[in-house]
Amino acid sequence: AVVARGERVVGEGWHAALGRDHAEVMALDRAGRRAR
């Protein structure tokens, strides 16, 4: 998963292992308030 504002990437994620956060959650956490 990638979170982007226009062409600028503000968060990235992937499902790293069973039981860990899914890709979307990791990407959103890394983007923080920039995800809105």
Full PDB file with SEQRES, HELIX, SHEET, SSBOND, CRYST1, ORIGX, SCALE, CONECT and MASTER records, all heavy atoms in Angstrom:
SEQRES   1 A   36  ALA VAL VAL ALA ARG GLY GLU ARG VAL VAL GLY GLU GLY          
SEQRES   2 A   36  TRP HIS ALA ALA LEU GLY ARG ASP HIS ALA GLU VAL MET          
SEQRES   3 A   36  ALA LEU ASP ARG ALA GLY ARG ARG ALA ARG                      
HELIX    1 AA1 ALA A   23  ALA A   31  1                                   9    
HELIX    2 AA2 GLY A   32  ALA A   35  5                                   4    
SHEET    1 AA1 2 VAL A   2  ARG A   5  0                                        
SHEET    2 AA1 2 ARG A   8  GLU A  12 -1                                        
CRYST1    1.000    1.000    1.000  90.00  90.00  90.00 P 1           1          
ORIGX1      1.000000  0.000000  0.000000        0.00000                         
ORIGX2      0.000000  1.000000  0.000000        0.00000                         
ORIGX3      0.000000  0.000000  1.000000        0.00000                         
SCALE1      1.000000  0.000000  0.000000        0.00000                         
SCALE2      0.000000  1.000000  0.000000        0.00000                         
SCALE3      0.000000  0.000000  1.000000        0.00000                         
ATOM      1  N   ALA A   1       0.838  -1.204   0.000  1.00  0.00           N  
ATOM      2  CA  ALA A   1       0.000   0.000   0.000  1.00  0.00           C  
ATOM      3  C   ALA A   1       0.869   1.248   0.000  1.00  0.00           C  
ATOM      4  O   ALA A   1       1.944   1.271   0.607  1.00  0.00           O  
ATOM      5  CB  ALA A   1      -0.931   0.009   1.204  1.00  0.00           C  
ATOM      6  N   VAL A   2       0.378   2.281  -0.679  1.00  0.00           N  
ATOM      7  CA  VAL A   2       1.050   3.575  -0.744  1.00  0.00           C  
ATOM      8  C   VAL A   2       0.017   4.665  -0.504  1.00  0.00           C  
ATOM      9  O   VAL A   2      -1.061   4.651  -1.106  1.00  0.00           O  
ATOM     10  CB  VAL A   2       1.711   3.786  -2.123  1.00  0.00           C  
ATOM     11  CG1 VAL A   2       2.201   5.225  -2.280  1.00  0.00           C  
ATOM     12  CG2 VAL A   2       2.867   2.815  -2.323  1.00  0.00           C  
ATOM     13  N   VAL A   3       0.342   5.606   0.375  1.00  0.00           N  
ATOM     14  CA  VAL A   3      -0.482   6.802   0.584  1.00  0.00           C  
ATOM     15  C   VAL A   3       0.210   7.964  -0.115  1.00  0.00           C  
ATOM     16  O   VAL A   3       1.404   8.198   0.107  1.00  0.00           O  
ATOM     17  CB  VAL A   3      -0.670   7.116   2.084  1.00  0.00           C  
ATOM     18  CG1 VAL A   3      -1.543   8.361   2.269  1.00  0.00           C  
ATOM     19  CG2 VAL A   3      -1.299   5.919   2.806  1.00  0.00           C  
ATOM     20  N   ALA A   4      -0.534   8.672  -0.966  1.00  0.00           N  
ATOM     21  CA  ALA A   4       0.071   9.763  -1.734  1.00  0.00           C  
ATOM     22  C   ALA A   4      -0.832  10.997  -1.730  1.00  0.00           C  
ATOM     23  O   ALA A   4      -2.061  10.885  -1.773  1.00  0.00           O  
ATOM     24  CB  ALA A   4       0.328   9.322  -3.173  1.00  0.00           C  
ATOM     25  N   ARG A   5      -0.173  12.130  -1.685  1.00  0.00           N  
ATOM     26  CA  ARG A   5      -0.851  13.409  -1.881  1.00  0.00           C  
ATOM     27  C   ARG A   5      -0.383  13.930  -3.233  1.00  0.00           C  
ATOM     28  O   ARG A   5       0.762  14.399  -3.357  1.00  0.00           O  
ATOM     29  CB  ARG A   5      -0.523  14.388  -0.758  1.00  0.00           C  
ATOM     30  CG  ARG A   5      -0.932  13.880   0.626  1.00  0.00           C  
ATOM     31  CD  ARG A   5      -0.703  14.942   1.698  1.00  0.00           C  
ATOM     32  NE  ARG A   5      -1.586  16.087   1.498  1.00  0.00           N  
ATOM     33  CZ  ARG A   5      -2.831  16.169   2.006  1.00  0.00           C  
ATOM     34  NH1 ARG A   5      -3.314  15.179   2.743  1.00  0.00           N  
ATOM     35  NH2 ARG A   5      -3.564  17.241   1.786  1.00  0.00           N  
ATOM     36  N   GLY A   6      -1.259  13.797  -4.240  1.00  0.00           N  
ATOM     37  CA  GLY A   6      -0.824  14.082  -5.600  1.00  0.00           C  
ATOM     38  C   GLY A   6       0.232  13.085  -6.010  1.00  0.00           C  
ATOM     39  O   GLY A   6       0.021  11.868  -5.948  1.00  0.00           O  
ATOM     40  N   GLU A   7       1.384  13.582  -6.411  1.00  0.00           N  
ATOM     41  CA  GLU A   7       2.476  12.696  -6.824  1.00  0.00           C  
ATOM     42  C   GLU A   7       3.416  12.352  -5.670  1.00  0.00           C  
ATOM     43  O   GLU A   7       4.307  11.520  -5.831  1.00  0.00           O  
ATOM     44  CB  GLU A   7       3.278  13.363  -7.940  1.00  0.00           C  
ATOM     45  CG  GLU A   7       2.482  13.625  -9.205  1.00  0.00           C  
ATOM     46  CD  GLU A   7       3.342  14.167 -10.329  1.00  0.00           C  
ATOM     47  OE1 GLU A   7       4.571  14.300 -10.111  1.00  0.00           O  
ATOM     48  OE2 GLU A   7       2.802  14.459 -11.408  1.00  0.00           O  
ATOM     49  N   ARG A   8       3.216  12.973  -4.521  1.00  0.00           N  
ATOM     50  CA  ARG A   8       4.159  12.817  -3.399  1.00  0.00           C  
ATOM     51  C   ARG A   8       3.710  11.682  -2.473  1.00  0.00           C  
ATOM     52  O   ARG A   8       2.601  11.696  -1.948  1.00  0.00           O  
ATOM     53  CB  ARG A   8       4.270  14.116  -2.622  1.00  0.00           C  
ATOM     54  CG  ARG A   8       5.322  14.078  -1.503  1.00  0.00           C  
ATOM     55  CD  ARG A   8       5.610  15.485  -1.016  1.00  0.00           C  
ATOM     56  NE  ARG A   8       4.432  16.097  -0.408  1.00  0.00           N  
ATOM     57  CZ  ARG A   8       4.178  16.079   0.908  1.00  0.00           C  
ATOM     58  NH1 ARG A   8       5.026  15.489   1.741  1.00  0.00           N  
ATOM     59  NH2 ARG A   8       3.102  16.672   1.378  1.00  0.00           N  
ATOM     60  N   VAL A   9       4.593  10.721  -2.269  1.00  0.00           N  
ATOM     61  CA  VAL A   9       4.316   9.609  -1.358  1.00  0.00           C  
ATOM     62  C   VAL A   9       4.529  10.081   0.079  1.00  0.00           C  
ATOM     63  O   VAL A   9       5.589  10.625   0.417  1.00  0.00           O  
ATOM     64  CB  VAL A   9       5.232   8.410  -1.673  1.00  0.00           C  
ATOM     65  CG1 VAL A   9       5.070   7.317  -0.617  1.00  0.00           C  
ATOM     66  CG2 VAL A   9       4.939   7.869  -3.059  1.00  0.00           C  
ATOM     67  N   VAL A  10       3.519   9.852   0.925  1.00  0.00           N  
ATOM     68  CA  VAL A  10       3.628  10.259   2.334  1.00  0.00           C  
ATOM     69  C   VAL A  10       3.580   9.072   3.287  1.00  0.00           C  
ATOM     70  O   VAL A  10       3.768   9.232   4.499  1.00  0.00           O  
ATOM     71  CB  VAL A  10       2.521  11.278   2.693  1.00  0.00           C  
ATOM     72  CG1 VAL A  10       2.704  12.564   1.899  1.00  0.00           C  
ATOM     73  CG2 VAL A  10       1.123  10.697   2.479  1.00  0.00           C  
ATOM     74  N   GLY A  11       3.339   7.868   2.758  1.00  0.00           N  
ATOM     75  CA  GLY A  11       3.315   6.684   3.610  1.00  0.00           C  
ATOM     76  C   GLY A  11       3.345   5.419   2.784  1.00  0.00           C  
ATOM     77  O   GLY A  11       2.745   5.363   1.710  1.00  0.00           O  
ATOM     78  N   GLU A  12       4.081   4.414   3.250  1.00  0.00           N  
ATOM     79  CA  GLU A  12       4.162   3.132   2.561  1.00  0.00           C  
ATOM     80  C   GLU A  12       3.989   2.003   3.565  1.00  0.00           C  
ATOM     81  O   GLU A  12       4.327   2.147   4.741  1.00  0.00           O  
ATOM     82  CB  GLU A  12       5.525   2.959   1.875  1.00  0.00           C  
ATOM     83  CG  GLU A  12       5.792   3.932   0.747  1.00  0.00           C  
ATOM     84  CD  GLU A  12       7.112   3.657   0.060  1.00  0.00           C  
ATOM     85  OE1 GLU A  12       8.003   3.052   0.705  1.00  0.00           O  
ATOM     86  OE2 GLU A  12       7.255   4.036  -1.111  1.00  0.00           O  
ATOM     87  N   GLY A  13       3.471   0.869   3.075  1.00  0.00           N  
ATOM     88  CA  GLY A  13       3.316  -0.272   3.968  1.00  0.00           C  
ATOM     89  C   GLY A  13       3.179  -1.573   3.217  1.00  0.00           C  
ATOM     90  O   GLY A  13       2.900  -1.598   2.014  1.00  0.00           O  
ATOM     91  N   TRP A  14       3.379  -2.671   3.918  1.00  0.00           N  
ATOM     92  CA  TRP A  14       3.189  -4.005   3.362  1.00  0.00           C  
ATOM     93  C   TRP A  14       2.845  -4.942   4.505  1.00  0.00           C  
ATOM     94  O   TRP A  14       3.121  -4.654   5.681  1.00  0.00           O  
ATOM     95  CB  TRP A  14       4.443  -4.485   2.632  1.00  0.00           C  
ATOM     96  CG  TRP A  14       5.675  -4.611   3.504  1.00  0.00           C  
ATOM     97  CD1 TRP A  14       6.125  -5.722   4.142  1.00  0.00           C  
ATOM     98  CD2 TRP A  14       6.593  -3.557   3.847  1.00  0.00           C  
ATOM     99  NE1 TRP A  14       7.259  -5.443   4.856  1.00  0.00           N  
ATOM    100  CE2 TRP A  14       7.573  -4.124   4.686  1.00  0.00           C  
ATOM    101  CE3 TRP A  14       6.672  -2.199   3.518  1.00  0.00           C  
ATOM    102  CZ2 TRP A  14       8.616  -3.367   5.216  1.00  0.00           C  
ATOM    103  CZ3 TRP A  14       7.716  -1.457   4.042  1.00  0.00           C  
ATOM    104  CH2 TRP A  14       8.679  -2.033   4.870  1.00  0.00           C  
ATOM    105  N   HIS A  15       2.190  -6.037   4.176  1.00  0.00           N  
ATOM    106  CA  HIS A  15       1.856  -7.041   5.189  1.00  0.00           C  
ATOM    107  C   HIS A  15       3.116  -7.856   5.446  1.00  0.00           C  
ATOM    108  O   HIS A  15       3.529  -8.670   4.618  1.00  0.00           O  
ATOM    109  CB  HIS A  15       0.711  -7.916   4.696  1.00  0.00           C  
ATOM    110  CG  HIS A  15       0.161  -8.849   5.722  1.00  0.00           C  
ATOM    111  ND1 HIS A  15       0.246  -8.610   7.079  1.00  0.00           N  
ATOM    112  CD2 HIS A  15      -0.493 -10.035   5.601  1.00  0.00           C  
ATOM    113  CE1 HIS A  15      -0.320  -9.602   7.741  1.00  0.00           C  
ATOM    114  NE2 HIS A  15      -0.776 -10.479   6.873  1.00  0.00           N  
ATOM    115  N   ALA A  16       3.757  -7.604   6.582  1.00  0.00           N  
ATOM    116  CA  ALA A  16       5.085  -8.164   6.831  1.00  0.00           C  
ATOM    117  C   ALA A  16       5.046  -9.611   7.312  1.00  0.00           C  
ATOM    118  O   ALA A  16       5.968 -10.383   7.014  1.00  0.00           O  
ATOM    119  CB  ALA A  16       5.825  -7.304   7.861  1.00  0.00           C  
ATOM    120  N   ALA A  17       4.007  -9.996   8.052  1.00  0.00           N  
ATOM    121  CA  ALA A  17       3.937 -11.356   8.583  1.00  0.00           C  
ATOM    122  C   ALA A  17       2.537 -11.603   9.118  1.00  0.00           C  
ATOM    123  O   ALA A  17       1.817 -10.666   9.478  1.00  0.00           O  
ATOM    124  CB  ALA A  17       4.970 -11.564   9.694  1.00  0.00           C  
ATOM    125  N   LEU A  18       2.158 -12.865   9.176  1.00  0.00           N  
ATOM    126  CA  LEU A  18       0.850 -13.245   9.702  1.00  0.00           C  
ATOM    127  C   LEU A  18       0.682 -12.725  11.127  1.00  0.00           C  
ATOM    128  O   LEU A  18       1.566 -12.905  11.973  1.00  0.00           O  
ATOM    129  CB  LEU A  18       0.713 -14.768   9.687  1.00  0.00           C  
ATOM    130  CG  LEU A  18      -0.651 -15.336  10.058  1.00  0.00           C  
ATOM    131  CD1 LEU A  18      -1.699 -14.951   9.016  1.00  0.00           C  
ATOM    132  CD2 LEU A  18      -0.572 -16.858  10.195  1.00  0.00           C  
ATOM    133  N   GLY A  19      -0.445 -12.042  11.368  1.00  0.00           N  
ATOM    134  CA  GLY A  19      -0.717 -11.486  12.686  1.00  0.00           C  
ATOM    135  C   GLY A  19      -0.235 -10.063  12.865  1.00  0.00           C  
ATOM    136  O   GLY A  19      -0.624  -9.400  13.835  1.00  0.00           O  
ATOM    137  N   ARG A  20       0.627  -9.592  11.961  1.00  0.00           N  
ATOM    138  CA  ARG A  20       1.097  -8.207  12.015  1.00  0.00           C  
ATOM    139  C   ARG A  20       0.123  -7.294  11.286  1.00  0.00           C  
ATOM    140  O   ARG A  20      -0.783  -7.741  10.591  1.00  0.00           O  
ATOM    141  CB  ARG A  20       2.489  -8.114  11.371  1.00  0.00           C  
ATOM    142  CG  ARG A  20       3.556  -8.976  12.026  1.00  0.00           C  
ATOM    143  CD  ARG A  20       4.290  -8.245  13.126  1.00  0.00           C  
ATOM    144  NE  ARG A  20       5.036  -7.117  12.599  1.00  0.00           N  
ATOM    145  CZ  ARG A  20       6.270  -7.197  12.094  1.00  0.00           C  
ATOM    146  NH1 ARG A  20       6.873  -8.371  12.014  1.00  0.00           N  
ATOM    147  NH2 ARG A  20       6.895  -6.115  11.668  1.00  0.00           N  
ATOM    148  N   ASP A  21       0.320  -5.977  11.424  1.00  0.00           N  
ATOM    149  CA  ASP A  21      -0.541  -5.019  10.739  1.00  0.00           C  
ATOM    150  C   ASP A  21      -0.605  -5.298   9.250  1.00  0.00           C  
ATOM    151  O   ASP A  21       0.388  -5.690   8.632  1.00  0.00           O  
ATOM    152  CB  ASP A  21      -0.022  -3.590  10.947  1.00  0.00           C  
ATOM    153  CG  ASP A  21      -0.332  -3.044  12.322  1.00  0.00           C  
ATOM    154  OD1 ASP A  21      -1.205  -3.621  13.004  1.00  0.00           O  
ATOM    155  OD2 ASP A  21       0.306  -2.058  12.713  1.00  0.00           O  
ATOM    156  N   HIS A  22      -1.787  -5.052   8.678  1.00  0.00           N  
ATOM    157  CA  HIS A  22      -1.919  -5.172   7.232  1.00  0.00           C  
ATOM    158  C   HIS A  22      -1.250  -3.974   6.567  1.00  0.00           C  
ATOM    159  O   HIS A  22      -0.935  -2.972   7.198  1.00  0.00           O  
ATOM    160  CB  HIS A  22      -3.389  -5.270   6.844  1.00  0.00           C  
ATOM    161  CG  HIS A  22      -4.011  -6.576   7.189  1.00  0.00           C  
ATOM    162  ND1 HIS A  22      -5.270  -6.948   6.779  1.00  0.00           N  
ATOM    163  CD2 HIS A  22      -3.546  -7.630   7.928  1.00  0.00           C  
ATOM    164  CE1 HIS A  22      -5.553  -8.146   7.225  1.00  0.00           C  
ATOM    165  NE2 HIS A  22      -4.519  -8.584   7.936  1.00  0.00           N  
ATOM    166  N   ALA A  23      -1.049  -4.089   5.257  1.00  0.00           N  
ATOM    167  CA  ALA A  23      -0.311  -3.064   4.503  1.00  0.00           C  
ATOM    168  C   ALA A  23      -0.939  -1.684   4.647  1.00  0.00           C  
ATOM    169  O   ALA A  23      -0.232  -0.678   4.822  1.00  0.00           O  
ATOM    170  CB  ALA A  23      -0.262  -3.463   3.028  1.00  0.00           C  
ATOM    171  N   GLU A  24      -2.282  -1.617   4.577  1.00  0.00           N  
ATOM    172  CA  GLU A  24      -2.968  -0.332   4.637  1.00  0.00           C  
ATOM    173  C   GLU A  24      -2.713   0.371   5.970  1.00  0.00           C  
ATOM    174  O   GLU A  24      -2.472   1.584   6.023  1.00  0.00           O  
ATOM    175  CB  GLU A  24      -4.479  -0.525   4.450  1.00  0.00           C  
ATOM    176  CG  GLU A  24      -4.854  -1.200   3.144  1.00  0.00           C  
ATOM    177  CD  GLU A  24      -5.016  -2.703   3.262  1.00  0.00           C  
ATOM    178  OE1 GLU A  24      -4.168  -3.344   3.941  1.00  0.00           O  
ATOM    179  OE2 GLU A  24      -5.975  -3.245   2.700  1.00  0.00           O  
ATOM    180  N   VAL A  25      -2.757  -0.412   7.055  1.00  0.00           N  
ATOM    181  CA  VAL A  25      -2.581   0.167   8.392  1.00  0.00           C  
ATOM    182  C   VAL A  25      -1.154   0.686   8.554  1.00  0.00           C  
ATOM    183  O   VAL A  25      -0.931   1.785   9.085  1.00  0.00           O  
ATOM    184  CB  VAL A  25      -2.922  -0.876   9.475  1.00  0.00           C  
ATOM    185  CG1 VAL A  25      -2.575  -0.344  10.861  1.00  0.00           C  
ATOM    186  CG2 VAL A  25      -4.410  -1.248   9.397  1.00  0.00           C  
ATOM    187  N   MET A  26      -0.162  -0.083   8.099  1.00  0.00           N  
ATOM    188  CA  MET A  26       1.217   0.381   8.177  1.00  0.00           C  
ATOM    189  C   MET A  26       1.405   1.675   7.388  1.00  0.00           C  
ATOM    190  O   MET A  26       2.036   2.632   7.874  1.00  0.00           O  
ATOM    191  CB  MET A  26       2.187  -0.678   7.652  1.00  0.00           C  
ATOM    192  CG  MET A  26       3.656  -0.242   7.715  1.00  0.00           C  
ATOM    193  SD  MET A  26       4.803  -1.355   6.850  1.00  0.00           S  
ATOM    194  CE  MET A  26       4.777  -2.773   7.923  1.00  0.00           C  
ATOM    195  N   ALA A  27       0.873   1.720   6.170  1.00  0.00           N  
ATOM    196  CA  ALA A  27       1.030   2.916   5.337  1.00  0.00           C  
ATOM    197  C   ALA A  27       0.344   4.123   5.974  1.00  0.00           C  
ATOM    198  O   ALA A  27       0.895   5.236   5.966  1.00  0.00           O  
ATOM    199  CB  ALA A  27       0.463   2.657   3.948  1.00  0.00           C  
ATOM    200  N   LEU A  28      -0.832   3.931   6.529  1.00  0.00           N  
ATOM    201  CA  LEU A  28      -1.561   5.038   7.167  1.00  0.00           C  
ATOM    202  C   LEU A  28      -0.839   5.522   8.417  1.00  0.00           C  
ATOM    203  O   LEU A  28      -0.776   6.735   8.687  1.00  0.00           O  
ATOM    204  CB  LEU A  28      -2.982   4.593   7.506  1.00  0.00           C  
ATOM    205  CG  LEU A  28      -3.899   4.332   6.304  1.00  0.00           C  
ATOM    206  CD1 LEU A  28      -5.176   3.643   6.752  1.00  0.00           C  
ATOM    207  CD2 LEU A  28      -4.214   5.629   5.573  1.00  0.00           C  
ATOM    208  N   ASP A  29      -0.298   4.596   9.200  1.00  0.00           N  
ATOM    209  CA  ASP A  29       0.454   4.986  10.396  1.00  0.00           C  
ATOM    210  C   ASP A  29       1.669   5.825  10.017  1.00  0.00           C  
ATOM    211  O   ASP A  29       1.993   6.822  10.698  1.00  0.00           O  
ATOM    212  CB  ASP A  29       0.909   3.744  11.174  1.00  0.00           C  
ATOM    213  CG  ASP A  29      -0.221   3.094  11.960  1.00  0.00           C  
ATOM    214  OD1 ASP A  29      -1.292   3.734  12.083  1.00  0.00           O  
ATOM    215  OD2 ASP A  29      -0.034   1.960  12.431  1.00  0.00           O  
ATOM    216  N   ARG A  30       2.343   5.456   8.949  1.00  0.00           N  
ATOM    217  CA  ARG A  30       3.526   6.202   8.531  1.00  0.00           C  
ATOM    218  C   ARG A  30       3.148   7.565   7.949  1.00  0.00           C  
ATOM    219  O   ARG A  30       3.919   8.527   8.058  1.00  0.00           O  
ATOM    220  CB  ARG A  30       4.323   5.388   7.520  1.00  0.00           C  
ATOM    221  CG  ARG A  30       4.962   4.151   8.154  1.00  0.00           C  
ATOM    222  CD  ARG A  30       5.807   3.382   7.164  1.00  0.00           C  
ATOM    223  NE  ARG A  30       6.587   2.342   7.857  1.00  0.00           N  
ATOM    224  CZ  ARG A  30       7.501   1.580   7.272  1.00  0.00           C  
ATOM    225  NH1 ARG A  30       7.747   1.748   5.977  1.00  0.00           N  
ATOM    226  NH2 ARG A  30       8.163   0.674   7.961  1.00  0.00           N  
ATOM    227  N   ALA A  31       1.967   7.629   7.335  1.00  0.00           N  
ATOM    228  CA  ALA A  31       1.522   8.914   6.782  1.00  0.00           C  
ATOM    229  C   ALA A  31       1.042   9.859   7.877  1.00  0.00           C  
ATOM    230  O   ALA A  31       1.189  11.084   7.768  1.00  0.00           O  
ATOM    231  CB  ALA A  31       0.404   8.680   5.766  1.00  0.00           C  
ATOM    232  N   GLY A  32       0.463   9.305   8.947  1.00  0.00           N  
ATOM    233  CA  GLY A  32      -0.043  10.139  10.037  1.00  0.00           C  
ATOM    234  C   GLY A  32      -1.128  11.098   9.566  1.00  0.00           C  
ATOM    235  O   GLY A  32      -2.011  10.716   8.781  1.00  0.00           O  
ATOM    236  N   ARG A  33      -1.040  12.357  10.012  1.00  0.00           N  
ATOM    237  CA  ARG A  33      -2.068  13.343   9.660  1.00  0.00           C  
ATOM    238  C   ARG A  33      -2.061  13.683   8.174  1.00  0.00           C  
ATOM    239  O   ARG A  33      -3.048  14.211   7.645  1.00  0.00           O  
ATOM    240  CB  ARG A  33      -1.864  14.618  10.491  1.00  0.00           C  
ATOM    241  CG  ARG A  33      -2.261  14.432  11.957  1.00  0.00           C  
ATOM    242  CD  ARG A  33      -2.046  15.694  12.740  1.00  0.00           C  
ATOM    243  NE  ARG A  33      -0.618  16.027  12.871  1.00  0.00           N  
ATOM    244  CZ  ARG A  33      -0.160  17.090  13.526  1.00  0.00           C  
ATOM    245  NH1 ARG A  33      -1.020  17.932  14.098  1.00  0.00           N  
ATOM    246  NH2 ARG A  33       1.136  17.313  13.616  1.00  0.00           N  
ATOM    247  N   ARG A  34      -0.979  13.372   7.484  1.00  0.00           N  
ATOM    248  CA  ARG A  34      -0.912  13.657   6.047  1.00  0.00           C  
ATOM    249  C   ARG A  34      -1.832  12.755   5.226  1.00  0.00           C  
ATOM    250  O   ARG A  34      -2.058  12.994   4.034  1.00  0.00           O  
ATOM    251  CB  ARG A  34       0.528  13.519   5.552  1.00  0.00           C  
ATOM    252  CG  ARG A  34       1.492  14.535   6.160  1.00  0.00           C  
ATOM    253  CD  ARG A  34       2.930  14.216   5.789  1.00  0.00           C  
ATOM    254  NE  ARG A  34       3.373  12.939   6.354  1.00  0.00           N  
ATOM    255  CZ  ARG A  34       4.560  12.394   6.167  1.00  0.00           C  
ATOM    256  NH1 ARG A  34       5.444  13.023   5.390  1.00  0.00           N  
ATOM    257  NH2 ARG A  34       4.885  11.250   6.717  1.00  0.00           N  
ATOM    258  N   ALA A  35      -2.391  11.720   5.860  1.00  0.00           N  
ATOM    259  CA  ALA A  35      -3.306  10.827   5.153  1.00  0.00           C  
ATOM    260  C   ALA A  35      -4.659  11.468   4.890  1.00  0.00           C  
ATOM    261  O   ALA A  35      -5.363  11.074   3.958  1.00  0.00           O  
ATOM    262  CB  ALA A  35      -3.490   9.537   5.954  1.00  0.00           C  
ATOM    263  N   ARG A  36      -5.034  12.473   5.700  1.00  0.00           N  
ATOM    264  CA  ARG A  36      -6.356  13.104   5.523  1.00  0.00           C  
ATOM    265  C   ARG A  36      -6.418  13.804   4.165  1.00  0.00           C  
ATOM    266  O   ARG A  36      -5.603  14.651   3.843  1.00  0.00           O  
ATOM    267  CB  ARG A  36      -6.639  14.092   6.656  1.00  0.00           C  
ATOM    268  CG  ARG A  36      -8.059  14.664   6.622  1.00  0.00           C  
ATOM    269  CD  ARG A  36      -8.481  15.193   7.978  1.00  0.00           C  
ATOM    270  NE  ARG A  36      -8.472  14.136   8.997  1.00  0.00           N  
ATOM    271  CZ  ARG A  36      -9.490  13.275   9.174  1.00  0.00           C  
ATOM    272  NH1 ARG A  36     -10.571  13.351   8.420  1.00  0.00           N  
ATOM    273  NH2 ARG A  36      -9.414  12.360  10.121  1.00  0.00           N  
TER     274      ARG A  36                                                      
MASTER        0    0    0    2    2    0    0    6  273    1    0    3          
END                                                                             
